[in-house]
Amino acid sequence: MSVVDADRVAAVQKALPSDDSVRNLAHVFGLLADPGRLRLISALLEGGEMCVCDLAAATGQSMSAASHALRLLRADRVVKVRRAGRMAYYRLADSHVRMLFDLAITHIGHDEGDRGDD
């Protein structure tokens, strides 16, 4: 039986993010967990600002599916839209999206020996 280190537990609890922050973080990770949305983000990382029709073609999605995914990404400030007449051009909202994506790619690229599984 282990003995609880009350001071350590209290320090960890104090450092934890608020319940609202944790819910928001879970929502963002859930949003980014969809392969179709990740393909769109990848296309924007490579191609910069792109219209829906080009994004759909580049990712192999229907225009309807790409539009729906972009609407969700825009609602959560992952992408921004610029309208020019009837056309809508999407781009990443900020550099934080690139950082999240790059860190995740680096993380999954680690060798099996680096996983730390015991």
PDB file of N, CA and C in Angstrom:
ATOM      1  N   MET A   1       0.851  -1.177   0.000  1.00  0.00           N
ATOM      2  CA  MET A   1       0.000   0.000   0.000  1.00  0.00           C
ATOM      3  C   MET A   1       0.896   1.240   0.000  1.00  0.00           C
ATOM      4  N   SER A   2       0.595   2.177  -0.859  1.00  0.00           N
ATOM      5  CA  SER A   2       1.414   3.389  -0.897  1.00  0.00           C
ATOM      6  C   SER A   2       0.833   4.440   0.030  1.00  0.00           C
ATOM      7  N   VAL A   3       1.716   5.271   0.513  1.00  0.00           N
ATOM      8  CA  VAL A   3       1.319   6.367   1.392  1.00  0.00           C
ATOM      9  C   VAL A   3       1.198   7.618   0.528  1.00  0.00           C
ATOM     10  N   VAL A   4       0.123   8.328   0.694  1.00  0.00           N
ATOM     11  CA  VAL A   4      -0.122   9.538  -0.080  1.00  0.00           C
ATOM     12  C   VAL A   4       0.754  10.663   0.451  1.00  0.00           C
ATOM     13  N   ASP A   5       1.467  11.306  -0.466  1.00  0.00           N
ATOM     14  CA  ASP A   5       2.277  12.485  -0.122  1.00  0.00           C
ATOM     15  C   ASP A   5       1.361  13.692  -0.285  1.00  0.00           C
ATOM     16  N   ALA A   6       0.728  14.098   0.803  1.00  0.00           N
ATOM     17  CA  ALA A   6      -0.298  15.141   0.768  1.00  0.00           C
ATOM     18  C   ALA A   6       0.240  16.460   0.207  1.00  0.00           C
ATOM     19  N   ASP A   7       1.464  16.822   0.551  1.00  0.00           N
ATOM     20  CA  ASP A   7       2.028  18.080   0.038  1.00  0.00           C
ATOM     21  C   ASP A   7       2.214  18.018  -1.473  1.00  0.00           C
ATOM     22  N   ARG A   8       2.703  16.894  -1.952  1.00  0.00           N
ATOM     23  CA  ARG A   8       2.914  16.741  -3.393  1.00  0.00           C
ATOM     24  C   ARG A   8       1.586  16.748  -4.137  1.00  0.00           C
ATOM     25  N   VAL A   9       0.607  16.027  -3.621  1.00  0.00           N
ATOM     26  CA  VAL A   9      -0.714  15.990  -4.237  1.00  0.00           C
ATOM     27  C   VAL A   9      -1.322  17.386  -4.268  1.00  0.00           C
ATOM     28  N   ALA A  10      -1.205  18.125  -3.180  1.00  0.00           N
ATOM     29  CA  ALA A  10      -1.758  19.481  -3.122  1.00  0.00           C
ATOM     30  C   ALA A  10      -1.067  20.396  -4.136  1.00  0.00           C
ATOM     31  N   ALA A  11       0.252  20.249  -4.279  1.00  0.00           N
ATOM     32  CA  ALA A  11       0.991  21.078  -5.237  1.00  0.00           C
ATOM     33  C   ALA A  11       0.563  20.768  -6.665  1.00  0.00           C
ATOM     34  N   VAL A  12       0.379  19.486  -6.962  1.00  0.00           N
ATOM     35  CA  VAL A  12      -0.060  19.090  -8.302  1.00  0.00           C
ATOM     36  C   VAL A  12      -1.471  19.604  -8.564  1.00  0.00           C
ATOM     37  N   GLN A  13      -2.366  19.441  -7.604  1.00  0.00           N
ATOM     38  CA  GLN A  13      -3.738  19.910  -7.771  1.00  0.00           C
ATOM     39  C   GLN A  13      -3.787  21.424  -8.020  1.00  0.00           C
ATOM     40  N   LYS A  14      -2.932  22.167  -7.333  1.00  0.00           N
ATOM     41  CA  LYS A  14      -2.894  23.619  -7.497  1.00  0.00           C
ATOM     42  C   LYS A  14      -2.416  24.007  -8.899  1.00  0.00           C
ATOM     43  N   ALA A  15      -1.506  23.204  -9.472  1.00  0.00           N
ATOM     44  CA  ALA A  15      -0.935  23.507 -10.788  1.00  0.00           C
ATOM     45  C   ALA A  15      -1.824  23.063 -11.943  1.00  0.00           C
ATOM     46  N   LEU A  16      -2.805  22.209 -11.687  1.00  0.00           N
ATOM     47  CA  LEU A  16      -3.670  21.717 -12.757  1.00  0.00           C
ATOM     48  C   LEU A  16      -4.513  22.843 -13.333  1.00  0.00           C
ATOM     49  N   PRO A  17      -4.787  22.775 -14.652  1.00  0.00           N
ATOM     50  CA  PRO A  17      -5.669  23.788 -15.248  1.00  0.00           C
ATOM     51  C   PRO A  17      -7.087  23.659 -14.702  1.00  0.00           C
ATOM     52  N   SER A  18      -7.852  24.730 -14.837  1.00  0.00           N
ATOM     53  CA  SER A  18      -9.233  24.730 -14.360  1.00  0.00           C
ATOM     54  C   SER A  18     -10.069  23.735 -15.162  1.00  0.00           C
ATOM     55  N   ASP A  19     -11.230  23.385 -14.619  1.00  0.00           N
ATOM     56  CA  ASP A  19     -12.130  22.468 -15.320  1.00  0.00           C
ATOM     57  C   ASP A  19     -12.539  23.027 -16.677  1.00  0.00           C
ATOM     58  N   ASP A  20     -12.790  24.333 -16.749  1.00  0.00           N
ATOM     59  CA  ASP A  20     -13.150  24.956 -18.029  1.00  0.00           C
ATOM     60  C   ASP A  20     -12.010  24.839 -19.032  1.00  0.00           C
ATOM     61  N   SER A  21     -10.783  25.074 -18.572  1.00  0.00           N
ATOM     62  CA  SER A  21      -9.623  24.960 -19.460  1.00  0.00           C
ATOM     63  C   SER A  21      -9.455  23.539 -19.971  1.00  0.00           C
ATOM     64  N   VAL A  22      -9.657  22.575 -19.093  1.00  0.00           N
ATOM     65  CA  VAL A  22      -9.530  21.174 -19.495  1.00  0.00           C
ATOM     66  C   VAL A  22     -10.608  20.820 -20.514  1.00  0.00           C
ATOM     67  N   ARG A  23     -11.834  21.284 -20.312  1.00  0.00           N
ATOM     68  CA  ARG A  23     -12.911  21.029 -21.283  1.00  0.00           C
ATOM     69  C   ARG A  23     -12.594  21.666 -22.634  1.00  0.00           C
ATOM     70  N   ASN A  24     -12.088  22.900 -22.613  1.00  0.00           N
ATOM     71  CA  ASN A  24     -11.723  23.580 -23.859  1.00  0.00           C
ATOM     72  C   ASN A  24     -10.586  22.859 -24.575  1.00  0.00           C
ATOM     73  N   LEU A  25      -9.609  22.413 -23.834  1.00  0.00           N
ATOM     74  CA  LEU A  25      -8.492  21.672 -24.407  1.00  0.00           C
ATOM     75  C   LEU A  25      -8.967  20.366 -25.023  1.00  0.00           C
ATOM     76  N   ALA A  26      -9.834  19.661 -24.318  1.00  0.00           N
ATOM     77  CA  ALA A  26     -10.389  18.409 -24.850  1.00  0.00           C
ATOM     78  C   ALA A  26     -11.170  18.668 -26.136  1.00  0.00           C
ATOM     79  N   HIS A  27     -11.884  19.787 -26.182  1.00  0.00           N
ATOM     80  CA  HIS A  27     -12.647  20.135 -27.383  1.00  0.00           C
ATOM     81  C   HIS A  27     -11.711  20.378 -28.573  1.00  0.00           C
ATOM     82  N   VAL A  28     -10.630  21.119 -28.348  1.00  0.00           N
ATOM     83  CA  VAL A  28      -9.674  21.394 -29.424  1.00  0.00           C
ATOM     84  C   VAL A  28      -9.032  20.095 -29.911  1.00  0.00           C
ATOM     85  N   PHE A  29      -8.608  19.247 -28.986  1.00  0.00           N
ATOM     86  CA  PHE A  29      -8.016  17.977 -29.403  1.00  0.00           C
ATOM     87  C   PHE A  29      -9.031  17.099 -30.120  1.00  0.00           C
ATOM     88  N   GLY A  30     -10.274  17.131 -29.697  1.00  0.00           N
ATOM     89  CA  GLY A  30     -11.323  16.385 -30.392  1.00  0.00           C
ATOM     90  C   GLY A  30     -11.534  16.905 -31.801  1.00  0.00           C
ATOM     91  N   LEU A  31     -11.507  18.214 -31.938  1.00  0.00           N
ATOM     92  CA  LEU A  31     -11.649  18.838 -33.251  1.00  0.00           C
ATOM     93  C   LEU A  31     -10.514  18.414 -34.170  1.00  0.00           C
ATOM     94  N   LEU A  32      -9.314  18.351 -33.634  1.00  0.00           N
ATOM     95  CA  LEU A  32      -8.143  17.986 -34.423  1.00  0.00           C
ATOM     96  C   LEU A  32      -7.979  16.473 -34.582  1.00  0.00           C
ATOM     97  N   ALA A  33      -8.836  15.692 -33.965  1.00  0.00           N
ATOM     98  CA  ALA A  33      -8.716  14.236 -34.024  1.00  0.00           C
ATOM     99  C   ALA A  33      -9.315  13.626 -35.287  1.00  0.00           C
ATOM    100  N   ASP A  34     -10.000  14.409 -36.082  1.00  0.00           N
ATOM    101  CA  ASP A  34     -10.644  13.896 -37.294  1.00  0.00           C
ATOM    102  C   ASP A  34      -9.648  13.879 -38.460  1.00  0.00           C
ATOM    103  N   PRO A  35      -9.457  12.730 -39.130  1.00  0.00           N
ATOM    104  CA  PRO A  35      -8.503  12.655 -40.235  1.00  0.00           C
ATOM    105  C   PRO A  35      -8.808  13.623 -41.381  1.00  0.00           C
ATOM    106  N   GLY A  36     -10.063  13.827 -41.699  1.00  0.00           N
ATOM    107  CA  GLY A  36     -10.411  14.763 -42.773  1.00  0.00           C
ATOM    108  C   GLY A  36     -10.017  16.186 -42.445  1.00  0.00           C
ATOM    109  N   ARG A  37     -10.252  16.601 -41.207  1.00  0.00           N
ATOM    110  CA  ARG A  37      -9.864  17.945 -40.796  1.00  0.00           C
ATOM    111  C   ARG A  37      -8.342  18.087 -40.758  1.00  0.00           C
ATOM    112  N   LEU A  38      -7.652  17.016 -40.339  1.00  0.00           N
ATOM    113  CA  LEU A  38      -6.185  17.065 -40.341  1.00  0.00           C
ATOM    114  C   LEU A  38      -5.629  17.155 -41.755  1.00  0.00           C
ATOM    115  N   ARG A  39      -6.285  16.498 -42.716  1.00  0.00           N
ATOM    116  CA  ARG A  39      -5.849  16.625 -44.105  1.00  0.00           C
ATOM    117  C   ARG A  39      -5.990  18.079 -44.589  1.00  0.00           C
ATOM    118  N   LEU A  40      -7.089  18.706 -44.223  1.00  0.00           N
ATOM    119  CA  LEU A  40      -7.295  20.109 -44.605  1.00  0.00           C
ATOM    120  C   LEU A  40      -6.222  21.008 -43.986  1.00  0.00           C
ATOM    121  N   ILE A  41      -5.932  20.786 -42.716  1.00  0.00           N
ATOM    122  CA  ILE A  41      -4.893  21.577 -42.049  1.00  0.00           C
ATOM    123  C   ILE A  41      -3.552  21.337 -42.728  1.00  0.00           C
ATOM    124  N   SER A  42      -3.247  20.085 -43.059  1.00  0.00           N
ATOM    125  CA  SER A  42      -1.989  19.769 -43.757  1.00  0.00           C
ATOM    126  C   SER A  42      -1.910  20.503 -45.087  1.00  0.00           C
ATOM    127  N   ALA A  43      -3.020  20.513 -45.822  1.00  0.00           N
ATOM    128  CA  ALA A  43      -3.048  21.195 -47.119  1.00  0.00           C
ATOM    129  C   ALA A  43      -2.803  22.693 -46.934  1.00  0.00           C
ATOM    130  N   LEU A  44      -3.391  23.279 -45.901  1.00  0.00           N
ATOM    131  CA  LEU A  44      -3.178  24.702 -45.640  1.00  0.00           C
ATOM    132  C   LEU A  44      -1.750  24.987 -45.191  1.00  0.00           C
ATOM    133  N   LEU A  45      -1.154  24.055 -44.463  1.00  0.00           N
ATOM    134  CA  LEU A  45       0.243  24.214 -44.063  1.00  0.00           C
ATOM    135  C   LEU A  45       1.150  24.244 -45.289  1.00  0.00           C
ATOM    136  N   GLU A  46       0.854  23.404 -46.268  1.00  0.00           N
ATOM    137  CA  GLU A  46       1.670  23.319 -47.477  1.00  0.00           C
ATOM    138  C   GLU A  46       1.318  24.387 -48.501  1.00  0.00           C
ATOM    139  N   GLY A  47       0.034  24.630 -48.686  1.00  0.00           N
ATOM    140  CA  GLY A  47      -0.405  25.494 -49.781  1.00  0.00           C
ATOM    141  C   GLY A  47      -0.719  26.918 -49.405  1.00  0.00           C
ATOM    142  N   GLY A  48      -0.716  27.226 -48.128  1.00  0.00           N
ATOM    143  CA  GLY A  48      -1.099  28.582 -47.717  1.00  0.00           C
ATOM    144  C   GLY A  48      -2.589  28.785 -47.914  1.00  0.00           C
ATOM    145  N   GLU A  49      -2.981  29.985 -48.228  1.00  0.00           N
ATOM    146  CA  GLU A  49      -4.398  30.302 -48.409  1.00  0.00           C
ATOM    147  C   GLU A  49      -4.937  29.577 -49.647  1.00  0.00           C
ATOM    148  N   MET A  50      -6.079  28.897 -49.475  1.00  0.00           N
ATOM    149  CA  MET A  50      -6.661  28.127 -50.570  1.00  0.00           C
ATOM    150  C   MET A  50      -8.180  28.224 -50.534  1.00  0.00           C
ATOM    151  N   CYS A  51      -8.802  28.099 -51.707  1.00  0.00           N
ATOM    152  CA  CYS A  51     -10.264  28.082 -51.771  1.00  0.00           C
ATOM    153  C   CYS A  51     -10.769  26.671 -51.467  1.00  0.00           C
ATOM    154  N   VAL A  52     -12.049  26.570 -51.163  1.00  0.00           N
ATOM    155  CA  VAL A  52     -12.652  25.291 -50.795  1.00  0.00           C
ATOM    156  C   VAL A  52     -12.474  24.260 -51.909  1.00  0.00           C
ATOM    157  N   CYS A  53     -12.682  24.673 -53.159  1.00  0.00           N
ATOM    158  CA  CYS A  53     -12.586  23.704 -54.255  1.00  0.00           C
ATOM    159  C   CYS A  53     -11.170  23.138 -54.361  1.00  0.00           C
ATOM    160  N   ASP A  54     -10.141  23.960 -54.186  1.00  0.00           N
ATOM    161  CA  ASP A  54      -8.765  23.463 -54.229  1.00  0.00           C
ATOM    162  C   ASP A  54      -8.453  22.596 -53.017  1.00  0.00           C
ATOM    163  N   LEU A  55      -8.946  22.979 -51.850  1.00  0.00           N
ATOM    164  CA  LEU A  55      -8.734  22.159 -50.649  1.00  0.00           C
ATOM    165  C   LEU A  55      -9.399  20.788 -50.797  1.00  0.00           C
ATOM    166  N   ALA A  56     -10.617  20.775 -51.319  1.00  0.00           N
ATOM    167  CA  ALA A  56     -11.319  19.506 -51.521  1.00  0.00           C
ATOM    168  C   ALA A  56     -10.547  18.628 -52.491  1.00  0.00           C
ATOM    169  N   ALA A  57     -10.082  19.201 -53.599  1.00  0.00           N
ATOM    170  CA  ALA A  57      -9.335  18.428 -54.586  1.00  0.00           C
ATOM    171  C   ALA A  57      -8.016  17.914 -54.017  1.00  0.00           C
ATOM    172  N   ALA A  58      -7.310  18.757 -53.268  1.00  0.00           N
ATOM    173  CA  ALA A  58      -6.009  18.380 -52.713  1.00  0.00           C
ATOM    174  C   ALA A  58      -6.129  17.275 -51.672  1.00  0.00           C
ATOM    175  N   THR A  59      -7.236  17.238 -50.951  1.00  0.00           N
ATOM    176  CA  THR A  59      -7.399  16.268 -49.862  1.00  0.00           C
ATOM    177  C   THR A  59      -8.261  15.067 -50.240  1.00  0.00           C
ATOM    178  N   GLY A  60      -8.814  15.072 -51.452  1.00  0.00           N
ATOM    179  CA  GLY A  60      -9.647  13.952 -51.882  1.00  0.00           C
ATOM    180  C   GLY A  60     -11.012  13.920 -51.223  1.00  0.00           C
ATOM    181  N   GLN A  61     -11.480  15.060 -50.759  1.00  0.00           N
ATOM    182  CA  GLN A  61     -12.785  15.150 -50.113  1.00  0.00           C
ATOM    183  C   GLN A  61     -13.782  15.793 -51.066  1.00  0.00           C
ATOM    184  N   SER A  62     -15.050  15.552 -50.810  1.00  0.00           N
ATOM    185  CA  SER A  62     -16.070  16.275 -51.564  1.00  0.00           C
ATOM    186  C   SER A  62     -16.062  17.729 -51.104  1.00  0.00           C
ATOM    187  N   MET A  63     -16.578  18.608 -51.944  1.00  0.00           N
ATOM    188  CA  MET A  63     -16.664  20.013 -51.542  1.00  0.00           C
ATOM    189  C   MET A  63     -17.547  20.167 -50.321  1.00  0.00           C
ATOM    190  N   SER A  64     -18.610  19.375 -50.246  1.00  0.00           N
ATOM    191  CA  SER A  64     -19.515  19.447 -49.103  1.00  0.00           C
ATOM    192  C   SER A  64     -18.803  19.055 -47.813  1.00  0.00           C
ATOM    193  N   ALA A  65     -18.032  17.957 -47.859  1.00  0.00           N
ATOM    194  CA  ALA A  65     -17.313  17.504 -46.668  1.00  0.00           C
ATOM    195  C   ALA A  65     -16.246  18.521 -46.257  1.00  0.00           C
ATOM    196  N   ALA A  66     -15.523  19.050 -47.240  1.00  0.00           N
ATOM    197  CA  ALA A  66     -14.488  20.043 -46.935  1.00  0.00           C
ATOM    198  C   ALA A  66     -15.117  21.302 -46.348  1.00  0.00           C
ATOM    199  N   SER A  67     -16.217  21.756 -46.924  1.00  0.00           N
ATOM    200  CA  SER A  67     -16.898  22.955 -46.418  1.00  0.00           C
ATOM    201  C   SER A  67     -17.372  22.766 -44.987  1.00  0.00           C
ATOM    202  N   HIS A  68     -17.938  21.599 -44.709  1.00  0.00           N
ATOM    203  CA  HIS A  68     -18.425  21.318 -43.351  1.00  0.00           C
ATOM    204  C   HIS A  68     -17.263  21.319 -42.357  1.00  0.00           C
ATOM    205  N   ALA A  69     -16.172  20.649 -42.716  1.00  0.00           N
ATOM    206  CA  ALA A  69     -15.012  20.595 -41.828  1.00  0.00           C
ATOM    207  C   ALA A  69     -14.419  21.990 -41.620  1.00  0.00           C
ATOM    208  N   LEU A  70     -14.345  22.771 -42.678  1.00  0.00           N
ATOM    209  CA  LEU A  70     -13.807  24.131 -42.565  1.00  0.00           C
ATOM    210  C   LEU A  70     -14.694  25.016 -41.699  1.00  0.00           C
ATOM    211  N   ARG A  71     -15.992  24.790 -41.774  1.00  0.00           N
ATOM    212  CA  ARG A  71     -16.918  25.555 -40.927  1.00  0.00           C
ATOM    213  C   ARG A  71     -16.636  25.263 -39.453  1.00  0.00           C
ATOM    214  N   LEU A  72     -16.410  23.988 -39.115  1.00  0.00           N
ATOM    215  CA  LEU A  72     -16.101  23.619 -37.737  1.00  0.00           C
ATOM    216  C   LEU A  72     -14.761  24.214 -37.304  1.00  0.00           C
ATOM    217  N   LEU A  73     -13.769  24.128 -38.184  1.00  0.00           N
ATOM    218  CA  LEU A  73     -12.451  24.667 -37.864  1.00  0.00           C
ATOM    219  C   LEU A  73     -12.501  26.188 -37.699  1.00  0.00           C
ATOM    220  N   ARG A  74     -13.322  26.836 -38.501  1.00  0.00           N
ATOM    221  CA  ARG A  74     -13.458  28.295 -38.402  1.00  0.00           C
ATOM    222  C   ARG A  74     -14.176  28.689 -37.112  1.00  0.00           C
ATOM    223  N   ALA A  75     -15.183  27.937 -36.731  1.00  0.00           N
ATOM    224  CA  ALA A  75     -15.938  28.242 -35.511  1.00  0.00           C
ATOM    225  C   ALA A  75     -15.039  28.194 -34.275  1.00  0.00           C
ATOM    226  N   ASP A  76     -14.017  27.357 -34.327  1.00  0.00           N
ATOM    227  CA  ASP A  76     -13.099  27.248 -33.189  1.00  0.00           C
ATOM    228  C   ASP A  76     -11.777  27.951 -33.428  1.00  0.00           C
ATOM    229  N   ARG A  77     -11.766  28.873 -34.398  1.00  0.00           N
ATOM    230  CA  ARG A  77     -10.630  29.754 -34.660  1.00  0.00           C
ATOM    231  C   ARG A  77      -9.345  29.019 -35.035  1.00  0.00           C
ATOM    232  N   VAL A  78      -9.485  27.871 -35.702  1.00  0.00           N
ATOM    233  CA  VAL A  78      -8.317  27.155 -36.212  1.00  0.00           C
ATOM    234  C   VAL A  78      -7.952  27.700 -37.589  1.00  0.00           C
ATOM    235  N   VAL A  79      -8.968  28.062 -38.366  1.00  0.00           N
ATOM    236  CA  VAL A  79      -8.748  28.683 -39.683  1.00  0.00           C
ATOM    237  C   VAL A  79      -9.508  30.001 -39.744  1.00  0.00           C
ATOM    238  N   LYS A  80      -9.080  30.842 -40.668  1.00  0.00           N
ATOM    239  CA  LYS A  80      -9.765  32.105 -40.958  1.00  0.00           C
ATOM    240  C   LYS A  80     -10.198  32.081 -42.408  1.00  0.00           C
ATOM    241  N   VAL A  81     -11.208  32.863 -42.722  1.00  0.00           N
ATOM    242  CA  VAL A  81     -11.712  32.925 -44.088  1.00  0.00           C
ATOM    243  C   VAL A  81     -11.625  34.351 -44.610  1.00  0.00           C
ATOM    244  N   ARG A  82     -11.329  34.454 -45.895  1.00  0.00           N
ATOM    245  CA  ARG A  82     -11.355  35.739 -46.595  1.00  0.00           C
ATOM    246  C   ARG A  82     -12.265  35.549 -47.797  1.00  0.00           C
ATOM    247  N   ARG A  83     -13.223  36.436 -47.935  1.00  0.00           N
ATOM    248  CA  ARG A  83     -14.163  36.331 -49.058  1.00  0.00           C
ATOM    249  C   ARG A  83     -13.784  37.322 -50.150  1.00  0.00           C
ATOM    250  N   ALA A  84     -13.855  36.829 -51.381  1.00  0.00           N
ATOM    251  CA  ALA A  84     -13.622  37.663 -52.564  1.00  0.00           C
ATOM    252  C   ALA A  84     -14.742  37.326 -53.539  1.00  0.00           C
ATOM    253  N   GLY A  85     -15.775  38.157 -53.524  1.00  0.00           N
ATOM    254  CA  GLY A  85     -16.949  37.851 -54.336  1.00  0.00           C
ATOM    255  C   GLY A  85     -17.637  36.615 -53.776  1.00  0.00           C
ATOM    256  N   ARG A  86     -17.834  35.633 -54.631  1.00  0.00           N
ATOM    257  CA  ARG A  86     -18.491  34.396 -54.196  1.00  0.00           C
ATOM    258  C   ARG A  86     -17.501  33.352 -53.689  1.00  0.00           C
ATOM    259  N   MET A  87     -16.227  33.645 -53.784  1.00  0.00           N
ATOM    260  CA  MET A  87     -15.197  32.686 -53.373  1.00  0.00           C
ATOM    261  C   MET A  87     -14.804  32.916 -51.913  1.00  0.00           C
ATOM    262  N   ALA A  88     -14.503  31.817 -51.243  1.00  0.00           N
ATOM    263  CA  ALA A  88     -14.014  31.876 -49.869  1.00  0.00           C
ATOM    264  C   ALA A  88     -12.628  31.245 -49.838  1.00  0.00           C
ATOM    265  N   TYR A  89     -11.665  31.955 -49.281  1.00  0.00           N
ATOM    266  CA  TYR A  89     -10.288  31.484 -49.191  1.00  0.00           C
ATOM    267  C   TYR A  89      -9.944  31.274 -47.718  1.00  0.00           C
ATOM    268  N   TYR A  90      -9.415  30.095 -47.414  1.00  0.00           N
ATOM    269  CA  TYR A  90      -9.110  29.732 -46.034  1.00  0.00           C
ATOM    270  C   TYR A  90      -7.608  29.724 -45.804  1.00  0.00           C
ATOM    271  N   ARG A  91      -7.235  30.063 -44.571  1.00  0.00           N
ATOM    272  CA  ARG A  91      -5.843  30.011 -44.141  1.00  0.00           C
ATOM    273  C   ARG A  91      -5.841  29.640 -42.660  1.00  0.00           C
ATOM    274  N   LEU A  92      -4.697  29.200 -42.165  1.00  0.00           N
ATOM    275  CA  LEU A  92      -4.590  28.907 -40.740  1.00  0.00           C
ATOM    276  C   LEU A  92      -4.747  30.197 -39.952  1.00  0.00           C
ATOM    277  N   ALA A  93      -5.371  30.091 -38.805  1.00  0.00           N
ATOM    278  CA  ALA A  93      -5.659  31.279 -38.000  1.00  0.00           C
ATOM    279  C   ALA A  93      -4.398  31.906 -37.419  1.00  0.00           C
ATOM    280  N   ASP A  94      -3.448  31.078 -37.002  1.00  0.00           N
ATOM    281  CA  ASP A  94      -2.220  31.608 -36.411  1.00  0.00           C
ATOM    282  C   ASP A  94      -1.147  30.532 -36.370  1.00  0.00           C
ATOM    283  N   SER A  95       0.015  30.909 -35.897  1.00  0.00           N
ATOM    284  CA  SER A  95       1.154  29.984 -35.879  1.00  0.00           C
ATOM    285  C   SER A  95       1.006  28.873 -34.838  1.00  0.00           C
ATOM    286  N   HIS A  96       0.086  29.033 -33.895  1.00  0.00           N
ATOM    287  CA  HIS A  96      -0.092  27.989 -32.884  1.00  0.00           C
ATOM    288  C   HIS A  96      -0.574  26.693 -33.515  1.00  0.00           C
ATOM    289  N   VAL A  97      -1.382  26.790 -34.551  1.00  0.00           N
ATOM    290  CA  VAL A  97      -1.879  25.591 -35.232  1.00  0.00           C
ATOM    291  C   VAL A  97      -0.705  24.835 -35.845  1.00  0.00           C
ATOM    292  N   ARG A  98       0.193  25.555 -36.490  1.00  0.00           N
ATOM    293  CA  ARG A  98       1.385  24.915 -37.071  1.00  0.00           C
ATOM    294  C   ARG A  98       2.218  24.251 -35.968  1.00  0.00           C
ATOM    295  N   MET A  99       2.383  24.935 -34.841  1.00  0.00           N
ATOM    296  CA  MET A  99       3.164  24.377 -33.738  1.00  0.00           C
ATOM    297  C   MET A  99       2.546  23.082 -33.221  1.00  0.00           C
ATOM    298  N   LEU A 100       1.217  23.078 -33.022  1.00  0.00           N
ATOM    299  CA  LEU A 100       0.536  21.861 -32.575  1.00  0.00           C
ATOM    300  C   LEU A 100       0.755  20.718 -33.551  1.00  0.00           C
ATOM    301  N   PHE A 101       0.583  21.023 -34.831  1.00  0.00           N
ATOM    302  CA  PHE A 101       0.732  20.014 -35.875  1.00  0.00           C
ATOM    303  C   PHE A 101       2.169  19.490 -35.920  1.00  0.00           C
ATOM    304  N   ASP A 102       3.141  20.399 -35.927  1.00  0.00           N
ATOM    305  CA  ASP A 102       4.549  19.995 -35.987  1.00  0.00           C
ATOM    306  C   ASP A 102       4.958  19.166 -34.771  1.00  0.00           C
ATOM    307  N   LEU A 103       4.495  19.560 -33.584  1.00  0.00           N
ATOM    308  CA  LEU A 103       4.819  18.796 -32.378  1.00  0.00           C
ATOM    309  C   LEU A 103       4.204  17.400 -32.418  1.00  0.00           C
ATOM    310  N   ALA A 104       2.975  17.305 -32.912  1.00  0.00           N
ATOM    311  CA  ALA A 104       2.331  15.994 -33.003  1.00  0.00           C
ATOM    312  C   ALA A 104       3.067  15.096 -33.998  1.00  0.00           C
ATOM    313  N   ILE A 105       3.474  15.645 -35.134  1.00  0.00           N
ATOM    314  CA  ILE A 105       4.233  14.876 -36.127  1.00  0.00           C
ATOM    315  C   ILE A 105       5.554  14.398 -35.526  1.00  0.00           C
ATOM    316  N   THR A 106       6.238  15.266 -34.805  1.00  0.00           N
ATOM    317  CA  THR A 106       7.488  14.890 -34.151  1.00  0.00           C
ATOM    318  C   THR A 106       7.246  13.797 -33.130  1.00  0.00           C
ATOM    319  N   HIS A 107       6.184  13.935 -32.360  1.00  0.00           N
ATOM    320  CA  HIS A 107       5.866  12.949 -31.329  1.00  0.00           C
ATOM    321  C   HIS A 107       5.621  11.568 -31.928  1.00  0.00           C
ATOM    322  N   ILE A 108       4.814  11.483 -32.961  1.00  0.00           N
ATOM    323  CA  ILE A 108       4.512  10.167 -33.530  1.00  0.00           C
ATOM    324  C   ILE A 108       5.677   9.596 -34.328  1.00  0.00           C
ATOM    325  N   GLY A 109       6.657  10.440 -34.669  1.00  0.00           N
ATOM    326  CA  GLY A 109       7.807   9.976 -35.425  1.00  0.00           C
ATOM    327  C   GLY A 109       8.908   9.372 -34.578  1.00  0.00           C
ATOM    328  N   HIS A 110       8.762   9.404 -33.268  1.00  0.00           N
ATOM    329  CA  HIS A 110       9.795   8.824 -32.402  1.00  0.00           C
ATOM    330  C   HIS A 110       9.892   7.325 -32.623  1.00  0.00           C
ATOM    331  N   ASP A 111      11.099   6.798 -32.476  1.00  0.00           N
ATOM    332  CA  ASP A 111      11.320   5.357 -32.601  1.00  0.00           C
ATOM    333  C   ASP A 111      10.600   4.627 -31.479  1.00  0.00           C
ATOM    334  N   GLU A 112      10.301   3.364 -31.724  1.00  0.00           N
ATOM    335  CA  GLU A 112       9.652   2.529 -30.710  1.00  0.00           C
ATOM    336  C   GLU A 112      10.442   2.532 -29.403  1.00  0.00           C
ATOM    337  N   GLY A 113      11.768   2.539 -29.486  1.00  0.00           N
ATOM    338  CA  GLY A 113      12.604   2.518 -28.286  1.00  0.00           C
ATOM    339  C   GLY A 113      12.508   3.771 -27.452  1.00  0.00           C
ATOM    340  N   ASP A 114      12.006   4.865 -28.049  1.00  0.00           N
ATOM    341  CA  ASP A 114      11.909   6.128 -27.334  1.00  0.00           C
ATOM    342  C   ASP A 114      10.571   6.332 -26.647  1.00  0.00           C
ATOM    343  N   ARG A 115       9.685   5.351 -26.729  1.00  0.00           N
ATOM    344  CA  ARG A 115       8.328   5.536 -26.180  1.00  0.00           C
ATOM    345  C   ARG A 115       8.291   5.563 -24.668  1.00  0.00           C
ATOM    346  N   GLY A 116       9.241   4.956 -24.013  1.00  0.00           N
ATOM    347  CA  GLY A 116       9.236   4.973 -22.564  1.00  0.00           C
ATOM    348  C   GLY A 116       8.321   3.936 -21.947  1.00  0.00           C
ATOM    349  N   ASP A 117       7.820   2.977 -22.768  1.00  0.00           N
ATOM    350  CA  ASP A 117       6.975   1.916 -22.225  1.00  0.00           C
ATOM    351  C   ASP A 117       7.834   0.982 -21.396  1.00  0.00           C
ATOM    352  N   ASP A 118       7.370   0.624 -20.239  1.00  0.00           N
ATOM    353  CA  ASP A 118       8.118  -0.298 -19.379  1.00  0.00           C
ATOM    354  C   ASP A 118       7.477  -1.648 -19.346  1.00  0.00           C
TER     355      ASP A 118
END
